[in-house]
Structure formats: C-alpha cells, structure tokens
N, C-alpha and C. Protein backbone atom coordinates (compact mmCIF):
# COMPACT_ATOMS: atom_id res chain seq x y z
N MET A 1 104.81 81.99 365.26
CA MET A 1 105.68 82.42 364.32
C MET A 1 104.90 83.87 363.69
N SER A 2 105.92 84.80 363.46
CA SER A 2 105.04 86.23 363.32
C SER A 2 106.15 86.41 361.70
N ARG A 3 104.75 86.64 360.60
CA ARG A 3 105.14 87.69 359.35
C ARG A 3 105.12 89.28 359.59
N TYR A 4 105.93 89.85 359.62
CA TYR A 4 105.84 91.18 359.41
C TYR A 4 107.03 91.86 357.90
N ARG A 5 105.95 92.85 357.58
CA ARG A 5 106.40 93.87 356.40
C ARG A 5 106.63 94.55 356.64
N PRO A 6 108.11 95.48 357.21
CA PRO A 6 107.92 96.78 356.83
C PRO A 6 108.07 97.35 356.87
N GLY A 7 108.97 97.53 355.22
CA GLY A 7 108.18 98.31 353.98
C GLY A 7 109.67 99.21 354.07
N ASP A 8 109.83 100.49 355.02
CA ASP A 8 111.00 100.83 355.22
C ASP A 8 111.75 100.82 356.95
N ILE A 9 111.33 99.79 357.46
CA ILE A 9 111.61 100.19 358.96
C ILE A 9 112.59 99.09 359.41
N SER A 10 113.21 98.65 358.06
CA SER A 10 114.73 98.04 358.61
C SER A 10 115.08 98.44 359.86
N GLY A 11 115.44 97.25 360.52
CA GLY A 11 116.50 97.91 361.14
C GLY A 11 116.06 98.86 362.44
N GLU A 12 114.95 98.87 362.79
CA GLU A 12 114.15 99.19 363.97
C GLU A 12 113.38 97.93 364.70
N HIS A 13 113.09 98.87 366.11
CA HIS A 13 113.33 97.87 366.81
C HIS A 13 111.62 98.06 367.33
N ILE A 14 111.70 95.89 367.12
CA ILE A 14 109.09 96.37 367.91
C ILE A 14 108.72 95.66 369.11
N PRO A 15 108.56 95.97 370.08
CA PRO A 15 108.27 95.67 371.17
C PRO A 15 106.59 94.24 370.32
N VAL A 16 107.66 93.09 371.09
CA VAL A 16 105.66 92.28 370.66
C VAL A 16 104.80 92.24 372.26
N VAL A 17 104.12 92.00 372.52
CA VAL A 17 103.86 91.57 373.62
C VAL A 17 102.86 90.48 374.06
N LEU A 18 102.57 90.25 375.65
CA LEU A 18 101.45 88.99 375.67
C LEU A 18 101.25 89.31 376.37
N LYS A 19 100.43 89.66 376.26
CA LYS A 19 98.18 89.47 377.59
C LYS A 19 97.83 88.71 378.35
N ARG A 20 96.86 88.88 379.27
CA ARG A 20 96.02 88.16 379.51
C ARG A 20 94.91 88.87 380.22
N ALA A 21 94.01 87.96 380.26
CA ALA A 21 93.11 89.29 380.37
C ALA A 21 92.95 90.51 380.54
N GLY A 22 94.06 91.48 379.11
CA GLY A 22 93.96 92.79 379.32
C GLY A 22 95.18 92.54 379.91
N ARG A 23 95.54 92.40 381.06
CA ARG A 23 97.40 92.83 381.53
C ARG A 23 97.90 91.93 380.81
N VAL A 24 99.53 93.46 380.73
CA VAL A 24 99.93 92.60 380.06
C VAL A 24 101.13 91.55 381.19
N VAL A 25 101.58 90.45 380.56
CA VAL A 25 101.73 89.41 381.08
C VAL A 25 104.54 89.98 380.99
N ALA A 26 104.70 89.53 379.52
CA ALA A 26 105.52 89.30 379.08
C ALA A 26 105.52 90.66 378.07
N THR A 27 106.76 90.68 377.95
CA THR A 27 107.50 91.76 376.56
C THR A 27 108.45 91.53 376.43
N LYS A 28 108.85 91.15 374.48
CA LYS A 28 110.02 90.89 374.18
C LYS A 28 110.04 92.20 373.57
N THR A 29 111.52 92.73 372.86
CA THR A 29 112.35 94.02 371.40
C THR A 29 112.06 92.66 370.55
N VAL A 30 111.58 93.41 369.93
CA VAL A 30 112.03 92.60 368.13
C VAL A 30 113.26 93.34 366.83
N GLN A 31 114.99 92.65 366.58
CA GLN A 31 114.64 93.74 365.56
C GLN A 31 114.32 93.72 364.43
N ILE A 32 114.13 94.61 363.92
CA ILE A 32 113.72 94.34 361.71
C ILE A 32 114.69 93.98 361.56
N THR A 33 114.66 93.12 360.29
CA THR A 33 115.97 92.60 359.74
C THR A 33 116.22 92.80 358.39
N ALA A 34 114.65 92.62 357.89
CA ALA A 34 114.86 92.36 356.18
C ALA A 34 113.37 93.60 355.64
N ASP A 35 112.54 93.23 354.17
CA ASP A 35 111.38 93.84 354.29
C ASP A 35 110.27 92.65 354.61
N VAL A 36 111.05 91.63 354.52
CA VAL A 36 110.05 90.31 354.68
C VAL A 36 110.77 90.20 355.75
N PHE A 37 110.27 90.20 357.09
CA PHE A 37 110.54 89.46 357.80
C PHE A 37 110.21 88.40 359.09
N GLU A 38 110.53 87.09 359.38
CA GLU A 38 109.57 86.20 359.75
C GLU A 38 110.17 85.99 361.37
N GLN A 39 109.34 85.48 362.25
CA GLN A 39 110.91 85.76 363.63
C GLN A 39 109.10 85.13 364.49
N GLN A 40 110.26 84.07 365.30
CA GLN A 40 109.11 82.77 365.93
C GLN A 40 109.44 83.73 367.73
N VAL A 41 109.33 84.21 368.73
CA VAL A 41 109.10 84.79 369.86
C VAL A 41 108.55 83.59 371.20
N GLN A 42 109.76 83.27 372.04
CA GLN A 42 109.15 82.58 372.87
C GLN A 42 109.26 83.55 374.35
N PHE A 43 107.92 83.11 374.85
CA PHE A 43 107.76 83.79 376.36
C PHE A 43 108.38 82.36 377.35
N GLU A 44 108.54 82.45 378.22
CA GLU A 44 108.48 81.50 379.15
C GLU A 44 107.66 82.67 380.35
N ILE A 45 106.08 82.25 380.72
CA ILE A 45 105.75 82.49 382.48
C ILE A 45 105.68 80.93 383.25
N GLU A 46 105.34 82.02 384.20
CA GLU A 46 104.88 81.18 385.33
C GLU A 46 103.28 81.03 385.61
N PRO A 47 102.77 80.84 385.32
CA PRO A 47 100.79 80.96 385.84
C PRO A 47 100.82 80.86 387.65
N GLU A 48 99.56 81.71 387.51
CA GLU A 48 99.04 82.36 389.01
C GLU A 48 98.76 81.22 389.73
N GLU A 49 97.61 80.78 388.19
CA GLU A 49 96.72 79.69 388.16
C GLU A 49 96.51 78.61 387.54
N VAL A 50 95.95 77.70 388.20
CA VAL A 50 94.87 76.40 387.51
C VAL A 50 93.79 76.24 386.88
N GLY A 51 94.06 76.74 384.94
CA GLY A 51 92.12 77.35 384.82
C GLY A 51 92.71 76.97 383.39
N GLU A 52 91.73 77.54 382.74
CA GLU A 52 91.68 77.89 380.76
C GLU A 52 91.67 79.53 380.80
N PHE A 53 92.38 79.24 380.16
CA PHE A 53 92.69 81.08 379.98
C PHE A 53 93.36 81.05 378.73
N THR A 54 93.01 82.73 377.58
CA THR A 54 93.28 83.17 376.96
C THR A 54 94.78 84.13 377.03
N TYR A 55 95.25 84.36 375.97
CA TYR A 55 96.28 85.14 375.53
C TYR A 55 96.80 85.50 374.39
N THR A 56 96.50 87.21 374.33
CA THR A 56 96.92 87.68 373.28
C THR A 56 98.92 88.78 373.24
N VAL A 57 99.19 88.03 371.80
CA VAL A 57 100.34 88.77 371.53
C VAL A 57 100.47 89.39 369.81
N SER A 58 100.32 90.64 370.95
CA SER A 58 100.34 91.74 369.50
C SER A 58 101.82 92.40 369.34
N VAL A 59 101.44 93.25 367.93
CA VAL A 59 102.17 94.15 367.63
C VAL A 59 102.23 95.44 367.02
N ALA A 60 102.75 96.38 367.97
CA ALA A 60 102.02 98.16 367.64
C ALA A 60 101.99 98.71 366.47
N PRO A 61 100.46 99.20 366.21
CA PRO A 61 100.94 99.50 364.17
C PRO A 61 101.48 100.43 364.26
N HIS A 62 102.05 100.35 362.65
CA HIS A 62 103.25 100.78 362.64
C HIS A 62 102.73 102.52 361.99
N LEU A 63 103.42 103.51 362.04
CA LEU A 63 102.37 104.85 361.23
C LEU A 63 102.56 104.51 359.62
N GLY A 64 101.38 104.17 358.92
CA GLY A 64 101.01 104.45 357.89
C GLY A 64 100.68 103.33 357.05
N GLU A 65 100.97 102.34 357.93
CA GLU A 65 100.19 100.74 357.74
C GLU A 65 98.98 100.18 357.20
N ALA A 66 98.56 99.80 356.31
CA ALA A 66 97.46 99.89 354.98
C ALA A 66 95.97 98.93 356.30
N LEU A 67 96.78 98.03 357.09
CA LEU A 67 96.31 96.96 357.56
C LEU A 67 97.10 96.94 358.89
N THR A 68 95.49 96.44 360.25
CA THR A 68 96.25 96.52 361.94
C THR A 68 95.50 95.56 362.42
N GLU A 69 94.09 94.95 361.13
CA GLU A 69 93.47 93.82 361.77
C GLU A 69 94.73 92.16 362.42
N ASN A 70 95.43 91.96 362.08
CA ASN A 70 96.69 91.35 362.11
C ASN A 70 97.77 91.73 362.69
N ASN A 71 97.56 92.47 363.60
CA ASN A 71 98.60 92.03 364.75
C ASN A 71 98.77 91.85 365.55
N GLN A 72 97.06 90.84 365.79
CA GLN A 72 97.54 90.17 367.39
C GLN A 72 96.90 88.93 366.73
N ALA A 73 97.32 88.38 368.12
CA ALA A 73 96.01 86.68 367.87
C ALA A 73 96.16 86.56 369.27
N ASP A 74 95.12 85.92 369.31
CA ASP A 74 94.70 84.85 370.73
C ASP A 74 94.99 83.61 370.46
N PHE A 75 95.45 83.18 371.48
CA PHE A 75 95.71 81.87 371.90
C PHE A 75 95.60 80.85 373.20
N PRO A 76 94.78 79.84 373.19
CA PRO A 76 93.85 79.06 374.36
C PRO A 76 95.65 78.72 374.93
N LEU A 77 95.35 78.68 376.30
CA LEU A 77 96.42 77.59 377.70
C LEU A 77 95.10 77.20 378.37
N SER A 78 95.27 76.19 378.75
CA SER A 78 95.34 75.21 379.63
C SER A 78 96.36 75.16 380.77
N VAL A 79 96.56 75.37 382.24
CA VAL A 79 97.27 75.05 382.95
C VAL A 79 96.28 73.87 383.94
N ALA A 80 97.39 73.57 384.53
CA ALA A 80 96.67 72.30 384.96
C ALA A 80 98.59 71.96 386.16
N ARG A 81 97.43 71.46 387.44
CA ARG A 81 98.24 71.29 388.98
C ARG A 81 99.64 69.87 389.15
N ASP A 82 100.13 70.01 388.52
CA ASP A 82 101.07 68.57 388.83
C ASP A 82 101.94 68.07 389.43
N LYS A 83 101.93 68.67 390.45
CA LYS A 83 102.64 68.68 391.79
C LYS A 83 102.32 67.39 392.56
N ILE A 84 103.00 67.38 393.51
CA ILE A 84 102.45 65.72 394.29
C ILE A 84 103.75 66.40 395.67
N ARG A 85 102.88 66.07 396.93
CA ARG A 85 103.43 66.24 398.08
C ARG A 85 103.23 64.92 398.51
N VAL A 86 103.75 65.28 399.47
CA VAL A 86 104.27 64.37 400.26
C VAL A 86 103.89 64.80 402.00
N LEU A 87 103.59 63.78 402.29
CA LEU A 87 103.27 63.91 404.04
C LEU A 87 103.53 63.13 404.62
N SER A 88 104.05 63.23 405.92
CA SER A 88 104.86 61.99 406.22
C SER A 88 104.42 62.26 407.70
N ARG A 89 103.64 61.41 408.59
CA ARG A 89 103.14 61.25 409.15
C ARG A 89 103.04 60.10 410.65
N SER A 90 104.10 59.16 410.12
CA SER A 90 104.75 58.65 411.17
C SER A 90 105.83 59.39 411.87
N VAL A 91 105.62 58.71 413.31
CA VAL A 91 106.12 59.07 414.42
C VAL A 91 107.37 58.32 415.18
N ALA A 92 106.36 57.17 415.40
CA ALA A 92 107.92 55.33 415.62
C ALA A 92 108.00 54.39 413.73
N VAL A 93 108.81 54.00 414.35
CA VAL A 93 108.66 52.61 413.10
C VAL A 93 107.93 52.10 412.90
N GLN A 94 107.40 51.52 411.93
CA GLN A 94 105.81 50.68 411.81
C GLN A 94 106.11 49.78 410.18
N PRO A 95 105.69 48.22 410.46
CA PRO A 95 106.56 47.70 409.46
C PRO A 95 105.24 48.56 408.04
N GLY A 96 106.17 48.61 407.17
CA GLY A 96 105.33 49.17 405.69
C GLY A 96 105.17 50.52 406.04
N ILE A 97 105.08 51.17 406.88
CA ILE A 97 104.17 52.14 407.17
C ILE A 97 105.38 53.08 407.06
N ILE A 98 105.68 53.80 405.87
CA ILE A 98 106.31 54.86 405.92
C ILE A 98 106.37 55.74 405.82
N ALA A 99 104.93 56.56 404.25
CA ALA A 99 104.69 57.73 404.50
C ALA A 99 103.72 57.57 403.68
N SER A 100 102.75 58.90 404.19
CA SER A 100 101.79 59.29 403.58
C SER A 100 101.70 60.28 402.07
N CYS A 101 100.94 58.97 400.90
CA CYS A 101 101.10 60.51 399.60
C CYS A 101 99.70 60.85 399.67
N VAL A 102 99.96 62.14 399.24
CA VAL A 102 98.70 63.20 400.22
C VAL A 102 98.53 63.53 398.25
N ARG A 103 97.97 63.81 396.04
CA ARG A 103 98.00 64.86 395.81
C ARG A 103 97.21 65.71 396.04
N VAL A 104 97.07 67.03 396.25
CA VAL A 104 96.59 68.08 396.72
C VAL A 104 96.54 69.41 395.07
C-alpha cells in the first residue's frame, strides 16, 4: 500500500518500480487521481531461484518534493521450491510397484 500526496500533479502518471539487487524486475504505471492518493499495486513475478531475497519498491521523486526518503520501501521474500517430480522406473508390471517418487 502506498500513500502519495501529489500537490498539483493530480492526473499525472507515475511509474512504480520493483527491484531485486538493484535490477528492475517489474514496473507498473499508476495515475494520480486526488490530492491525497493511496493505491495498492500488485506485481506478479516468477523467481528464478530458491532462497531469501530483498526486494525494493519505489517511485521517482517529483520536482519540488520536500521529503524523498519515503519514496521506497524494502521487503523480504522467501522463495521455496515445492514441485514434486515423479520418476517412473518400472519396466515390467510388478505387483505393488508402479512408480518411485523423488522430491527434487
């Protein structure tokens, strides 16, 4: 959730940027609709690897903005692999053995 007090820029479009390790992962554009503006922006990403990561969401400072330290926020994201792959090793039909399951 982001709160934005635009002053005289109502109607403008601002980019909301999602980064990981300084690299842009996604960007969405939001239109400012009021003097006090709050909007939830959702990003859908598909992480490339398992682990603990810190993401940053930010908006660019506007000309004349007095306080820019609150234009970004960091948040942690934990990525765990949850796929189960099935390896079938039966060649001939054997009672009670159909397939072996291996968690990869």
